[in-house]
């Protein structure tokens, strides 16, 4: 019976279908580079909106979710309720969000992006979204399913690590 070398990896799939170490390293390197470019894009978008980066981050969450309560936004950002109130006041004065009473719970307030936010977001992000869709369209459904799964797992791992490190 052959013995496995000490420390040698055990694979449940044939070695030929396992990514090479350089392939894994290349994926990690590309993710780090993507993170840097996303940071640059976030800075440029915040500047285009005329907002501080943290306010732009909150506006991105509101825009993506289309409607959010202050409590949900507080959880997403890791801010206190007072911090979220001040942030929402700034965004509302600037014309980026509007507050509405929740339709089924009068004690709740819903925060929604304004038409101004939606127009500016489309102007800033629209070309990138269209380009991303063209790139994605060149992949098979199976490949896209794998890419989406990979990105979701990386996002979850990143969120977990950020939570372990604490507020920031």
Protein backbone atom coordinates (compact mmCIF):
# COMPACT_ATOMS: atom_id res chain seq x y z
CA UNK A 1 0.00 0.00 0.00
CA UNK A 2 1.56 3.33 -1.00
CA UNK A 3 2.07 5.81 1.77
CA UNK A 4 1.28 9.47 1.42
CA UNK A 5 4.11 11.89 2.08
CA UNK A 6 3.76 13.78 5.32
CA UNK A 7 2.09 17.13 4.71
CA UNK A 8 1.02 16.21 1.19
CA UNK A 9 -2.50 17.41 0.42
CA UNK A 10 -5.31 14.91 0.18
CA UNK A 11 -7.68 15.66 -2.65
CA UNK A 12 -11.12 14.22 -3.14
CA UNK A 13 -10.89 15.13 -6.83
CA UNK A 14 -8.19 14.14 -9.29
CA UNK A 15 -5.17 16.42 -9.21
CA UNK A 16 -5.71 17.34 -12.87
CA UNK A 17 -8.97 19.10 -12.00
CA UNK A 18 -7.56 20.89 -8.95
CA UNK A 19 -6.44 24.46 -9.65
CA UNK A 20 -2.70 24.87 -9.75
CA UNK A 21 -1.10 26.77 -6.95
CA UNK A 22 -0.16 29.50 -9.39
CA UNK A 23 -3.81 29.62 -10.55
CA UNK A 24 -4.99 30.08 -6.96
CA UNK A 25 -2.30 32.71 -6.37
CA UNK A 26 -3.33 34.49 -9.57
CA UNK A 27 -6.99 34.52 -8.43
CA UNK A 28 -6.02 35.96 -5.03
CA UNK A 29 -3.81 38.57 -6.70
CA UNK A 30 -6.64 39.58 -9.08
CA UNK A 31 -9.08 39.87 -6.17
CA UNK A 32 -6.67 42.16 -4.33
CA UNK A 33 -6.23 44.27 -7.46
CA UNK A 34 -10.01 44.37 -7.93
CA UNK A 35 -10.37 45.57 -4.34
CA UNK A 36 -7.94 48.40 -5.02
CA UNK A 37 -9.82 49.41 -8.18
CA UNK A 38 -13.16 49.26 -6.35
CA UNK A 39 -11.70 51.56 -3.69
CA UNK A 40 -10.63 53.99 -6.43
CA UNK A 41 -14.08 53.81 -7.99
CA UNK A 42 -15.73 54.43 -4.60
CA UNK A 43 -13.50 57.50 -4.07
CA UNK A 44 -14.32 58.85 -7.55
CA UNK A 45 -18.06 58.18 -7.10
CA UNK A 46 -18.10 59.87 -3.69
CA UNK A 47 -16.37 62.89 -5.25
CA UNK A 48 -18.91 62.93 -8.13
CA UNK A 49 -21.75 62.88 -5.60
CA UNK A 50 -20.00 65.57 -3.55
CA UNK A 51 -20.03 63.31 -0.50
CA UNK A 52 -17.61 61.96 2.04
CA UNK A 53 -16.77 58.33 1.40
CA UNK A 54 -18.76 57.05 4.40
CA UNK A 55 -21.86 59.00 3.31
CA UNK A 56 -21.45 57.64 -0.22
CA UNK A 57 -21.20 54.12 1.21
CA UNK A 58 -24.51 54.61 3.00
CA UNK A 59 -26.09 56.03 -0.15
CA UNK A 60 -24.89 52.99 -2.10
CA UNK A 61 -26.64 50.68 0.38
CA UNK A 62 -29.85 52.73 0.21
CA UNK A 63 -29.73 52.81 -3.59
CA UNK A 64 -29.03 49.07 -3.88
CA UNK A 65 -31.82 48.08 -1.45
CA UNK A 66 -34.22 50.74 -2.81
CA UNK A 67 -35.86 51.08 0.61
CA UNK A 68 -34.34 50.60 4.05
CA UNK A 69 -35.15 51.47 7.65
CA UNK A 70 -32.67 53.48 9.70
CA UNK A 71 -32.17 50.42 11.92
CA UNK A 72 -31.28 48.24 8.92
CA UNK A 73 -28.90 50.90 7.64
CA UNK A 74 -27.33 51.18 11.09
CA UNK A 75 -26.68 47.43 11.12
CA UNK A 76 -25.25 47.46 7.60
CA UNK A 77 -22.87 50.30 8.39
CA UNK A 78 -22.09 49.40 12.00
CA UNK A 79 -23.12 52.90 13.14
CA UNK A 80 -25.07 54.00 16.17
CA UNK A 81 -28.62 55.22 15.68
CA UNK A 82 -27.45 58.78 16.36
CA UNK A 83 -24.72 58.45 13.74
CA UNK A 84 -27.21 57.19 11.16
CA UNK A 85 -29.64 60.01 11.97
CA UNK A 86 -26.92 62.61 11.38
CA UNK A 87 -25.84 60.87 8.17
CA UNK A 88 -29.43 60.71 6.88
CA UNK A 89 -29.94 64.38 7.73
CA UNK A 90 -26.91 65.25 5.55
CA UNK A 91 -28.10 63.05 2.68
CA UNK A 92 -31.63 64.43 2.87
CA UNK A 93 -30.47 68.07 2.89
CA UNK A 94 -28.30 67.30 -0.15
CA UNK A 95 -31.36 65.86 -1.93
CA UNK A 96 -30.09 62.27 -2.15
CA UNK A 97 -32.63 60.50 0.07
CA UNK A 98 -36.17 60.95 1.26
CA UNK A 99 -37.87 59.66 4.36
CA UNK A 100 -41.32 58.10 4.24
CA UNK A 101 -43.54 56.55 6.83
CA UNK A 102 -43.61 52.76 6.57
CA UNK A 103 -46.92 51.74 4.92
CA UNK A 104 -47.76 49.00 7.44
CA UNK A 105 -45.93 50.18 10.59
CA UNK A 106 -46.46 53.84 11.47
CA UNK A 107 -43.60 53.67 13.98
CA UNK A 108 -41.09 52.92 11.22
CA UNK A 109 -39.50 55.26 8.72
CA UNK A 110 -38.29 54.10 5.30
CA UNK A 111 -35.34 55.72 3.58
CA UNK A 112 -35.37 55.75 -0.22
CA UNK A 113 -33.09 57.22 -2.86
CA UNK A 114 -34.39 60.25 -4.74
CA UNK A 115 -34.67 60.56 -8.52
CA UNK A 116 -31.52 62.72 -8.33
CA UNK A 117 -29.61 59.81 -6.75
CA UNK A 118 -30.90 57.32 -9.31
CA UNK A 119 -29.94 59.62 -12.23
CA UNK A 120 -26.46 60.33 -10.87
CA UNK A 121 -25.84 56.67 -10.05
CA UNK A 122 -26.84 55.69 -13.59
CA UNK A 123 -24.45 58.30 -15.00
CA UNK A 124 -21.56 57.16 -12.79
CA UNK A 125 -22.09 53.40 -12.79
CA UNK A 126 -24.11 52.81 -15.96
CA UNK A 127 -21.13 52.48 -18.33
CA UNK A 128 -19.40 50.04 -15.97
CA UNK A 129 -22.58 47.99 -15.54
CA UNK A 130 -23.02 47.81 -19.33
CA UNK A 131 -19.38 46.80 -19.80
CA UNK A 132 -19.69 44.16 -17.07
CA UNK A 133 -22.81 42.77 -18.73
CA UNK A 134 -20.98 42.52 -22.07
CA UNK A 135 -18.10 40.67 -20.43
CA UNK A 136 -20.47 38.36 -18.54
CA UNK A 137 -22.37 37.68 -21.75
CA UNK A 138 -19.25 36.12 -23.23
CA UNK A 139 -19.28 33.33 -20.61
CA UNK A 140 -21.43 30.22 -20.58
CA UNK A 141 -24.21 29.87 -18.00
CA UNK A 142 -22.18 27.19 -16.23
CA UNK A 143 -19.11 29.41 -16.08
CA UNK A 144 -21.19 32.33 -14.79
CA UNK A 145 -22.79 30.12 -12.15
CA UNK A 146 -19.28 29.16 -10.96
CA UNK A 147 -18.10 32.78 -11.02
CA UNK A 148 -21.14 33.94 -9.05
CA UNK A 149 -20.66 31.15 -6.49
CA UNK A 150 -16.95 32.00 -6.17
CA UNK A 151 -17.65 35.72 -5.72
CA UNK A 152 -20.41 35.04 -3.17
CA UNK A 153 -18.11 32.80 -1.14
CA UNK A 154 -15.31 35.39 -1.25
CA UNK A 155 -17.75 38.14 -0.24
CA UNK A 156 -18.98 36.06 2.70
CA UNK A 157 -15.42 35.25 3.78
CA UNK A 158 -14.51 38.93 3.53
CA UNK A 159 -17.55 39.97 5.58
CA UNK A 160 -16.70 37.37 8.23
CA UNK A 161 -13.11 38.56 8.44
CA UNK A 162 -14.21 42.19 8.69
CA UNK A 163 -16.56 41.25 11.52
CA UNK A 164 -13.75 39.40 13.31
CA UNK A 165 -11.56 42.49 13.09
CA UNK A 166 -14.28 44.65 14.60
CA UNK A 167 -15.59 48.11 13.75
CA UNK A 168 -13.69 50.06 11.22
